[in-house]
PDB file of N, CA and C in Angstrom:
ATOM      1  N   UNK A   1       0.803  -1.297  -0.001  1.00  0.00           N
ATOM      2  CA  UNK A   1      -0.050   0.002   0.195  1.00  0.00           C
ATOM      3  C   UNK A   1       0.565   1.231   0.068  1.00  0.00           C
ATOM      4  N   UNK A   2       1.981   1.178   0.846  1.00  0.00           N
ATOM      5  CA  UNK A   2       2.732   2.678   0.818  1.00  0.00           C
ATOM      6  C   UNK A   2       3.285   2.721  -0.452  1.00  0.00           C
ATOM      7  N   UNK A   3       3.706   1.347  -1.274  1.00  0.00           N
ATOM      8  CA  UNK A   3       4.333   1.690  -2.766  1.00  0.00           C
ATOM      9  C   UNK A   3       3.076   2.633  -3.676  1.00  0.00           C
ATOM     10  N   UNK A   4       2.084   2.571  -3.412  1.00  0.00           N
ATOM     11  CA  UNK A   4       1.031   2.572  -4.219  1.00  0.00           C
ATOM     12  C   UNK A   4       1.147   4.475  -3.763  1.00  0.00           C
ATOM     13  N   UNK A   5       0.908   4.419  -2.657  1.00  0.00           N
ATOM     14  CA  UNK A   5       0.817   5.835  -2.322  1.00  0.00           C
ATOM     15  C   UNK A   5       1.945   6.710  -2.846  1.00  0.00           C
ATOM     16  N   UNK A   6       3.123   5.935  -2.489  1.00  0.00           N
ATOM     17  CA  UNK A   6       4.333   6.988  -3.005  1.00  0.00           C
ATOM     18  C   UNK A   6       4.675   7.269  -4.830  1.00  0.00           C
ATOM     19  N   UNK A   7       4.142   6.030  -5.235  1.00  0.00           N
ATOM     20  CA  UNK A   7       3.589   6.097  -6.775  1.00  0.00           C
ATOM     21  C   UNK A   7       2.803   7.571  -7.070  1.00  0.00           C
ATOM     22  N   UNK A   8       1.682   7.503  -6.318  1.00  0.00           N
ATOM     23  CA  UNK A   8       0.774   8.561  -6.825  1.00  0.00           C
ATOM     24  C   UNK A   8       1.239  10.228  -6.195  1.00  0.00           C
ATOM     25  N   UNK A   9       1.862  10.102  -5.168  1.00  0.00           N
ATOM     26  CA  UNK A   9       2.947  11.391  -5.077  1.00  0.00           C
ATOM     27  C   UNK A   9       3.790  12.006  -6.003  1.00  0.00           C
ATOM     28  N   UNK A  10       4.328  10.930  -6.461  1.00  0.00           N
ATOM     29  CA  UNK A  10       5.099  10.999  -7.744  1.00  0.00           C
ATOM     30  C   UNK A  10       4.558  11.584  -9.013  1.00  0.00           C
ATOM     31  N   UNK A  11       3.429  10.795  -9.219  1.00  0.00           N
ATOM     32  CA  UNK A  11       2.884  11.514 -10.355  1.00  0.00           C
ATOM     33  C   UNK A  11       2.227  12.629 -10.158  1.00  0.00           C
ATOM     34  N   UNK A  12       1.681  12.629  -9.098  1.00  0.00           N
ATOM     35  CA  UNK A  12       1.324  14.002  -8.872  1.00  0.00           C
ATOM     36  C   UNK A  12       2.058  15.387  -9.001  1.00  0.00           C
ATOM     37  N   UNK A  13       3.233  14.833  -8.216  1.00  0.00           N
ATOM     38  CA  UNK A  13       4.274  15.869  -8.417  1.00  0.00           C
ATOM     39  C   UNK A  13       5.147  16.027  -9.871  1.00  0.00           C
ATOM     40  N   UNK A  14       4.791  15.095 -10.761  1.00  0.00           N
ATOM     41  CA  UNK A  14       5.273  15.463 -11.985  1.00  0.00           C
ATOM     42  C   UNK A  14       4.400  16.041 -12.608  1.00  0.00           C
ATOM     43  N   UNK A  15       2.781  15.841 -12.547  1.00  0.00           N
ATOM     44  CA  UNK A  15       2.045  16.863 -13.142  1.00  0.00           C
ATOM     45  C   UNK A  15       1.594  18.222 -12.767  1.00  0.00           C
ATOM     46  N   UNK A  16       2.302  18.415 -11.036  1.00  0.00           N
ATOM     47  CA  UNK A  16       2.295  19.993 -10.945  1.00  0.00           C
ATOM     48  C   UNK A  16       3.589  20.304 -11.632  1.00  0.00           C
ATOM     49  N   UNK A  17       4.575  19.684 -11.780  1.00  0.00           N
ATOM     50  CA  UNK A  17       5.685  20.357 -12.561  1.00  0.00           C
ATOM     51  C   UNK A  17       5.605  20.606 -14.145  1.00  0.00           C
ATOM     52  N   UNK A  18       4.455  19.843 -14.885  1.00  0.00           N
ATOM     53  CA  UNK A  18       4.274  20.072 -15.939  1.00  0.00           C
ATOM     54  C   UNK A  18       3.475  21.361 -16.369  1.00  0.00           C
ATOM     55  N   UNK A  19       2.346  21.585 -15.160  1.00  0.00           N
ATOM     56  CA  UNK A  19       1.158  22.353 -15.246  1.00  0.00           C
ATOM     57  C   UNK A  19       2.063  23.761 -14.949  1.00  0.00           C
ATOM     58  N   UNK A  20       3.352  23.580 -14.006  1.00  0.00           N
ATOM     59  CA  UNK A  20       3.768  24.944 -13.528  1.00  0.00           C
ATOM     60  C   UNK A  20       4.572  25.473 -15.032  1.00  0.00           C
ATOM     61  N   UNK A  21       5.141  24.750 -15.474  1.00  0.00           N
ATOM     62  CA  UNK A  21       5.901  24.722 -16.755  1.00  0.00           C
ATOM     63  C   UNK A  21       5.021  25.318 -17.853  1.00  0.00           C
ATOM     64  N   UNK A  22       3.685  24.716 -18.197  1.00  0.00           N
ATOM     65  CA  UNK A  22       2.738  25.583 -19.140  1.00  0.00           C
ATOM     66  C   UNK A  22       2.436  26.561 -18.793  1.00  0.00           C
ATOM     67  N   UNK A  23       1.917  27.001 -17.306  1.00  0.00           N
ATOM     68  CA  UNK A  23       1.735  28.591 -17.023  1.00  0.00           C
ATOM     69  C   UNK A  23       3.012  29.105 -17.318  1.00  0.00           C
ATOM     70  N   UNK A  24       4.169  28.852 -17.132  1.00  0.00           N
ATOM     71  CA  UNK A  24       5.309  29.947 -17.464  1.00  0.00           C
ATOM     72  C   UNK A  24       5.320  30.244 -19.052  1.00  0.00           C
ATOM     73  N   UNK A  25       5.275  28.725 -19.928  1.00  0.00           N
ATOM     74  CA  UNK A  25       4.821  29.258 -21.625  1.00  0.00           C
ATOM     75  C   UNK A  25       3.763  30.399 -21.487  1.00  0.00           C
ATOM     76  N   UNK A  26       2.553  29.961 -21.205  1.00  0.00           N
ATOM     77  CA  UNK A  26       1.785  30.837 -21.321  1.00  0.00           C
ATOM     78  C   UNK A  26       2.016  32.309 -20.965  1.00  0.00           C
ATOM     79  N   UNK A  27       2.930  32.670 -19.995  1.00  0.00           N
ATOM     80  CA  UNK A  27       3.003  33.776 -19.686  1.00  0.00           C
ATOM     81  C   UNK A  27       4.314  34.402 -20.621  1.00  0.00           C
ATOM     82  N   UNK A  28       5.113  33.521 -21.010  1.00  0.00           N
ATOM     83  CA  UNK A  28       5.722  34.227 -22.441  1.00  0.00           C
ATOM     84  C   UNK A  28       5.024  34.116 -23.762  1.00  0.00           C
ATOM     85  N   UNK A  29       3.943  33.762 -23.683  1.00  0.00           N
ATOM     86  CA  UNK A  29       3.403  33.931 -25.028  1.00  0.00           C
ATOM     87  C   UNK A  29       2.455  35.225 -24.521  1.00  0.00           C
ATOM     88  N   UNK A  30       1.609  35.363 -23.146  1.00  0.00           N
ATOM     89  CA  UNK A  30       1.171  36.727 -23.432  1.00  0.00           C
ATOM     90  C   UNK A  30       1.618  38.068 -23.595  1.00  0.00           C
ATOM     91  N   UNK A  31       3.203  38.003 -22.972  1.00  0.00           N
ATOM     92  CA  UNK A  31       4.109  38.530 -23.489  1.00  0.00           C
ATOM     93  C   UNK A  31       4.604  38.878 -24.460  1.00  0.00           C
ATOM     94  N   UNK A  32       3.905  38.026 -25.640  1.00  0.00           N
ATOM     95  CA  UNK A  32       4.569  37.961 -26.508  1.00  0.00           C
ATOM     96  C   UNK A  32       6.334  38.068 -26.973  1.00  0.00           C
ATOM     97  N   UNK A  33       6.781  37.214 -26.236  1.00  0.00           N
ATOM     98  CA  UNK A  33       8.157  36.920 -26.409  1.00  0.00           C
ATOM     99  C   UNK A  33       8.755  35.437 -27.176  1.00  0.00           C
ATOM    100  N   UNK A  34       9.482  35.670 -27.869  1.00  0.00           N
ATOM    101  CA  UNK A  34      10.063  34.583 -28.501  1.00  0.00           C
ATOM    102  C   UNK A  34      10.990  33.908 -27.765  1.00  0.00           C
ATOM    103  N   UNK A  35      11.142  32.619 -28.335  1.00  0.00           N
ATOM    104  CA  UNK A  35      12.000  31.749 -27.432  1.00  0.00           C
ATOM    105  C   UNK A  35      13.666  32.182 -27.561  1.00  0.00           C
ATOM    106  N   UNK A  36      13.745  33.009 -28.551  1.00  0.00           N
ATOM    107  CA  UNK A  36      15.092  33.746 -29.249  1.00  0.00           C
ATOM    108  C   UNK A  36      15.567  34.495 -28.082  1.00  0.00           C
ATOM    109  N   UNK A  37      14.192  35.526 -27.566  1.00  0.00           N
ATOM    110  CA  UNK A  37      14.466  36.683 -26.674  1.00  0.00           C
ATOM    111  C   UNK A  37      14.627  35.961 -25.375  1.00  0.00           C
ATOM    112  N   UNK A  38      13.618  35.068 -24.915  1.00  0.00           N
ATOM    113  CA  UNK A  38      13.972  34.418 -23.631  1.00  0.00           C
ATOM    114  C   UNK A  38      15.529  33.889 -23.573  1.00  0.00           C
ATOM    115  N   UNK A  39      15.929  32.811 -24.371  1.00  0.00           N
ATOM    116  CA  UNK A  39      17.010  32.184 -24.362  1.00  0.00           C
ATOM    117  C   UNK A  39      18.397  33.621 -24.083  1.00  0.00           C
ATOM    118  N   UNK A  40      18.319  35.032 -25.025  1.00  0.00           N
ATOM    119  CA  UNK A  40      19.220  35.559 -24.514  1.00  0.00           C
ATOM    120  C   UNK A  40      18.611  36.122 -23.447  1.00  0.00           C
ATOM    121  N   UNK A  41      17.757  36.384 -22.970  1.00  0.00           N
ATOM    122  CA  UNK A  41      17.515  36.679 -21.590  1.00  0.00           C
ATOM    123  C   UNK A  41      18.614  35.450 -20.452  1.00  0.00           C
ATOM    124  N   UNK A  42      17.990  34.296 -20.618  1.00  0.00           N
ATOM    125  CA  UNK A  42      18.622  33.552 -19.760  1.00  0.00           C
ATOM    126  C   UNK A  42      20.286  32.898 -19.757  1.00  0.00           C
ATOM    127  N   UNK A  43      20.621  33.572 -21.273  1.00  0.00           N
ATOM    128  CA  UNK A  43      22.302  33.235 -21.508  1.00  0.00           C
ATOM    129  C   UNK A  43      22.174  31.661 -21.585  1.00  0.00           C
ATOM    130  N   UNK A  44      21.451  31.329 -23.325  1.00  0.00           N
ATOM    131  CA  UNK A  44      21.646  30.204 -23.485  1.00  0.00           C
ATOM    132  C   UNK A  44      21.075  30.225 -24.833  1.00  0.00           C
ATOM    133  N   UNK A  45      21.484  29.255 -25.443  1.00  0.00           N
ATOM    134  CA  UNK A  45      20.581  28.947 -27.032  1.00  0.00           C
ATOM    135  C   UNK A  45      19.207  28.362 -26.909  1.00  0.00           C
ATOM    136  N   UNK A  46      18.637  29.317 -28.049  1.00  0.00           N
ATOM    137  CA  UNK A  46      17.264  28.687 -27.709  1.00  0.00           C
ATOM    138  C   UNK A  46      17.220  27.500 -28.101  1.00  0.00           C
ATOM    139  N   UNK A  47      17.640  26.806 -29.082  1.00  0.00           N
ATOM    140  CA  UNK A  47      17.127  24.930 -28.796  1.00  0.00           C
ATOM    141  C   UNK A  47      17.368  24.546 -26.991  1.00  0.00           C
ATOM    142  N   UNK A  48      18.282  24.966 -26.202  1.00  0.00           N
ATOM    143  CA  UNK A  48      18.142  24.857 -24.986  1.00  0.00           C
ATOM    144  C   UNK A  48      17.055  25.112 -24.118  1.00  0.00           C
ATOM    145  N   UNK A  49      16.401  26.341 -24.661  1.00  0.00           N
ATOM    146  CA  UNK A  49      15.175  26.665 -23.845  1.00  0.00           C
ATOM    147  C   UNK A  49      13.764  25.535 -24.161  1.00  0.00           C
ATOM    148  N   UNK A  50      14.019  25.032 -25.390  1.00  0.00           N
ATOM    149  CA  UNK A  50      12.862  24.501 -26.016  1.00  0.00           C
ATOM    150  C   UNK A  50      12.888  23.018 -25.414  1.00  0.00           C
ATOM    151  N   UNK A  51      14.450  22.439 -25.486  1.00  0.00           N
ATOM    152  CA  UNK A  51      14.981  21.114 -24.603  1.00  0.00           C
ATOM    153  C   UNK A  51      14.599  20.854 -23.487  1.00  0.00           C
ATOM    154  N   UNK A  52      15.198  22.264 -22.557  1.00  0.00           N
ATOM    155  CA  UNK A  52      15.247  22.046 -21.226  1.00  0.00           C
ATOM    156  C   UNK A  52      13.329  22.214 -20.680  1.00  0.00           C
ATOM    157  N   UNK A  53      12.556  23.326 -21.174  1.00  0.00           N
ATOM    158  CA  UNK A  53      11.550  24.054 -20.728  1.00  0.00           C
ATOM    159  C   UNK A  53      10.179  23.327 -21.712  1.00  0.00           C
ATOM    160  N   UNK A  54      10.131  23.818 -22.624  1.00  0.00           N
ATOM    161  CA  UNK A  54       9.314  23.624 -23.547  1.00  0.00           C
ATOM    162  C   UNK A  54       8.951  22.432 -24.226  1.00  0.00           C
ATOM    163  N   UNK A  55       9.634  21.296 -24.012  1.00  0.00           N
ATOM    164  CA  UNK A  55       8.966  19.941 -24.416  1.00  0.00           C
ATOM    165  C   UNK A  55       8.372  19.052 -23.504  1.00  0.00           C
ATOM    166  N   UNK A  56       7.099  18.393 -23.816  1.00  0.00           N
ATOM    167  CA  UNK A  56       6.417  17.809 -22.247  1.00  0.00           C
ATOM    168  C   UNK A  56       7.442  16.922 -21.695  1.00  0.00           C
ATOM    169  N   UNK A  57       7.890  16.240 -22.349  1.00  0.00           N
ATOM    170  CA  UNK A  57       9.117  15.189 -21.192  1.00  0.00           C
ATOM    171  C   UNK A  57      10.443  15.658 -20.857  1.00  0.00           C
ATOM    172  N   UNK A  58      10.591  17.159 -21.134  1.00  0.00           N
ATOM    173  CA  UNK A  58      12.129  17.556 -20.781  1.00  0.00           C
ATOM    174  C   UNK A  58      11.663  17.245 -18.918  1.00  0.00           C
ATOM    175  N   UNK A  59      12.867  17.703 -18.060  1.00  0.00           N
ATOM    176  CA  UNK A  59      12.908  17.640 -16.656  1.00  0.00           C
ATOM    177  C   UNK A  59      13.927  18.603 -16.135  1.00  0.00           C
ATOM    178  N   UNK A  60      13.629  19.909 -16.408  1.00  0.00           N
ATOM    179  CA  UNK A  60      14.585  21.056 -15.881  1.00  0.00           C
ATOM    180  C   UNK A  60      14.817  20.647 -14.464  1.00  0.00           C
ATOM    181  N   UNK A  61      16.258  21.778 -14.108  1.00  0.00           N
ATOM    182  CA  UNK A  61      16.264  21.636 -13.048  1.00  0.00           C
ATOM    183  C   UNK A  61      15.601  23.057 -12.407  1.00  0.00           C
ATOM    184  N   UNK A  62      15.805  22.885 -10.766  1.00  0.00           N
ATOM    185  CA  UNK A  62      14.938  24.035 -10.096  1.00  0.00           C
ATOM    186  C   UNK A  62      15.705  25.512 -10.800  1.00  0.00           C
ATOM    187  N   UNK A  63      16.938  25.468 -11.043  1.00  0.00           N
ATOM    188  CA  UNK A  63      17.805  26.549 -11.625  1.00  0.00           C
ATOM    189  C   UNK A  63      17.400  26.975 -12.769  1.00  0.00           C
ATOM    190  N   UNK A  64      16.829  26.116 -13.874  1.00  0.00           N
ATOM    191  CA  UNK A  64      16.454  26.537 -15.104  1.00  0.00           C
ATOM    192  C   UNK A  64      14.912  27.139 -14.900  1.00  0.00           C
ATOM    193  N   UNK A  65      14.316  26.455 -14.129  1.00  0.00           N
ATOM    194  CA  UNK A  65      13.063  26.970 -13.857  1.00  0.00           C
ATOM    195  C   UNK A  65      12.734  28.536 -13.276  1.00  0.00           C
ATOM    196  N   UNK A  66      13.929  28.479 -12.559  1.00  0.00           N
ATOM    197  CA  UNK A  66      13.716  29.886 -12.201  1.00  0.00           C
ATOM    198  C   UNK A  66      14.299  31.267 -13.064  1.00  0.00           C
ATOM    199  N   UNK A  67      15.324  30.863 -13.536  1.00  0.00           N
ATOM    200  CA  UNK A  67      15.699  31.483 -14.875  1.00  0.00           C
ATOM    201  C   UNK A  67      14.795  31.935 -15.944  1.00  0.00           C
ATOM    202  N   UNK A  68      13.853  30.955 -16.101  1.00  0.00           N
ATOM    203  CA  UNK A  68      13.203  31.041 -17.252  1.00  0.00           C
ATOM    204  C   UNK A  68      12.079  31.754 -16.880  1.00  0.00           C
ATOM    205  N   UNK A  69      11.397  31.552 -15.646  1.00  0.00           N
ATOM    206  CA  UNK A  69      10.384  32.377 -14.549  1.00  0.00           C
ATOM    207  C   UNK A  69      11.049  33.946 -14.642  1.00  0.00           C
ATOM    208  N   UNK A  70      12.288  34.328 -14.626  1.00  0.00           N
ATOM    209  CA  UNK A  70      12.711  35.632 -14.468  1.00  0.00           C
ATOM    210  C   UNK A  70      12.524  36.133 -15.795  1.00  0.00           C
ATOM    211  N   UNK A  71      13.255  35.675 -16.931  1.00  0.00           N
ATOM    212  CA  UNK A  71      13.248  35.541 -18.221  1.00  0.00           C
ATOM    213  C   UNK A  71      11.626  36.098 -18.851  1.00  0.00           C
ATOM    214  N   UNK A  72      11.148  35.323 -18.666  1.00  0.00           N
ATOM    215  CA  UNK A  72       9.401  35.999 -18.973  1.00  0.00           C
ATOM    216  C   UNK A  72       8.965  36.685 -17.876  1.00  0.00           C
ATOM    217  N   UNK A  73       8.960  36.974 -16.818  1.00  0.00           N
ATOM    218  CA  UNK A  73       8.649  37.988 -15.985  1.00  0.00           C
ATOM    219  C   UNK A  73       7.693  37.492 -15.250  1.00  0.00           C
ATOM    220  N   UNK A  74       7.496  36.364 -15.079  1.00  0.00           N
ATOM    221  CA  UNK A  74       6.716  35.646 -13.726  1.00  0.00           C
ATOM    222  C   UNK A  74       7.466  35.604 -12.409  1.00  0.00           C
ATOM    223  N   UNK A  75       7.141  35.548 -11.319  1.00  0.00           N
ATOM    224  CA  UNK A  75       7.490  35.211  -9.903  1.00  0.00           C
ATOM    225  C   UNK A  75       6.798  34.063 -10.212  1.00  0.00           C
ATOM    226  N   UNK A  76       8.133  33.333  -9.400  1.00  0.00           N
ATOM    227  CA  UNK A  76       8.227  31.720  -9.277  1.00  0.00           C
ATOM    228  C   UNK A  76       8.409  31.778  -7.699  1.00  0.00           C
ATOM    229  N   UNK A  77       7.291  31.102  -7.331  1.00  0.00           N
ATOM    230  CA  UNK A  77       7.329  31.042  -5.535  1.00  0.00           C
ATOM    231  C   UNK A  77       7.483  29.360  -5.122  1.00  0.00           C
ATOM    232  N   UNK A  78       8.037  29.193  -4.171  1.00  0.00           N
ATOM    233  CA  UNK A  78       8.172  27.575  -3.649  1.00  0.00           C
ATOM    234  C   UNK A  78       7.681  27.439  -2.472  1.00  0.00           C
ATOM    235  N   UNK A  79       7.083  26.013  -2.437  1.00  0.00           N
ATOM    236  CA  UNK A  79       6.441  26.012  -1.291  1.00  0.00           C
ATOM    237  C   UNK A  79       6.900  24.390  -1.064  1.00  0.00           C
ATOM    238  N   UNK A  80       7.527  24.491   0.621  1.00  0.00           N
ATOM    239  CA  UNK A  80       7.572  22.353   0.852  1.00  0.00           C
ATOM    240  C   UNK A  80       6.636  22.264   1.773  1.00  0.00           C
ATOM    241  N   UNK A  81       6.290  21.463   1.854  1.00  0.00           N
ATOM    242  CA  UNK A  81       5.100  20.713   2.564  1.00  0.00           C
ATOM    243  C   UNK A  81       5.673  19.322   3.252  1.00  0.00           C
ATOM    244  N   UNK A  82       5.845  19.271   4.577  1.00  0.00           N
ATOM    245  CA  UNK A  82       6.554  18.322   4.937  1.00  0.00           C
ATOM    246  C   UNK A  82       5.033  16.980   4.740  1.00  0.00           C
ATOM    247  N   UNK A  83       5.459  15.868   4.222  1.00  0.00           N
ATOM    248  CA  UNK A  83       4.674  15.006   4.209  1.00  0.00           C
ATOM    249  C   UNK A  83       5.016  13.542   4.824  1.00  0.00           C
ATOM    250  N   UNK A  84       4.202  12.887   5.834  1.00  0.00           N
ATOM    251  CA  UNK A  84       4.425  11.749   6.252  1.00  0.00           C
ATOM    252  C   UNK A  84       4.151  10.681   6.108  1.00  0.00           C
ATOM    253  N   UNK A  85       4.722   9.476   5.418  1.00  0.00           N
ATOM    254  CA  UNK A  85       3.814   8.224   5.016  1.00  0.00           C
ATOM    255  C   UNK A  85       3.800   7.067   5.615  1.00  0.00           C
ATOM    256  N   UNK A  86       3.408   6.892   6.416  1.00  0.00           N
ATOM    257  CA  UNK A  86       2.914   6.130   7.753  1.00  0.00           C
ATOM    258  C   UNK A  86       2.879   4.520   6.715  1.00  0.00           C
ATOM    259  N   UNK A  87       3.711   3.652   7.227  1.00  0.00           N
ATOM    260  CA  UNK A  87       3.920   2.373   6.783  1.00  0.00           C
ATOM    261  C   UNK A  87       2.660   1.970   7.630  1.00  0.00           C
ATOM    262  N   UNK A  88       1.488   0.986   6.701  1.00  0.00           N
ATOM    263  CA  UNK A  88       0.653   0.143   7.376  1.00  0.00           C
ATOM    264  C   UNK A  88       0.772  -0.811   8.283  1.00  0.00           C
ATOM    265  N   UNK A  89      -0.045  -0.768   9.473  1.00  0.00           N
ATOM    266  CA  UNK A  89       0.097  -1.596  10.680  1.00  0.00           C
ATOM    267  C   UNK A  89       0.466  -2.898   9.862  1.00  0.00           C
ATOM    268  N   UNK A  90       1.469  -3.520  10.534  1.00  0.00           N
ATOM    269  CA  UNK A  90       1.315  -5.468  10.341  1.00  0.00           C
ATOM    270  C   UNK A  90       0.184  -5.942  10.786  1.00  0.00           C
ATOM    271  N   UNK A  91      -0.258  -7.252  10.444  1.00  0.00           N
ATOM    272  CA  UNK A  91      -1.473  -7.531  10.996  1.00  0.00           C
ATOM    273  C   UNK A  91      -1.196  -8.804  11.849  1.00  0.00           C
ATOM    274  N   UNK A  92      -1.672  -9.033  12.875  1.00  0.00           N
ATOM    275  CA  UNK A  92      -1.194  -9.923  13.869  1.00  0.00           C
ATOM    276  C   UNK A  92      -1.671 -11.038  13.533  1.00  0.00           C
TER     277      UNK A  92
END
């Protein structure tokens, strides 16, 4: 049962990360910023922005997400929520 809970938490975390990246892309599009402009502001090549942030299966570092957010004019906040997963009690 604990393994199932961990799998669900991992899936939820991945979904949250994808949603956050999609929201940042929406901010970029809202401000009519090109990938080239964002790359210049981030100090990297445009292909790196696409590979690191704008592909569905990418897994950017927190630093990359933070730099992208700054480049598109978004405020990125982070929360840490401590969670305790209790192991199920053994049956007697």
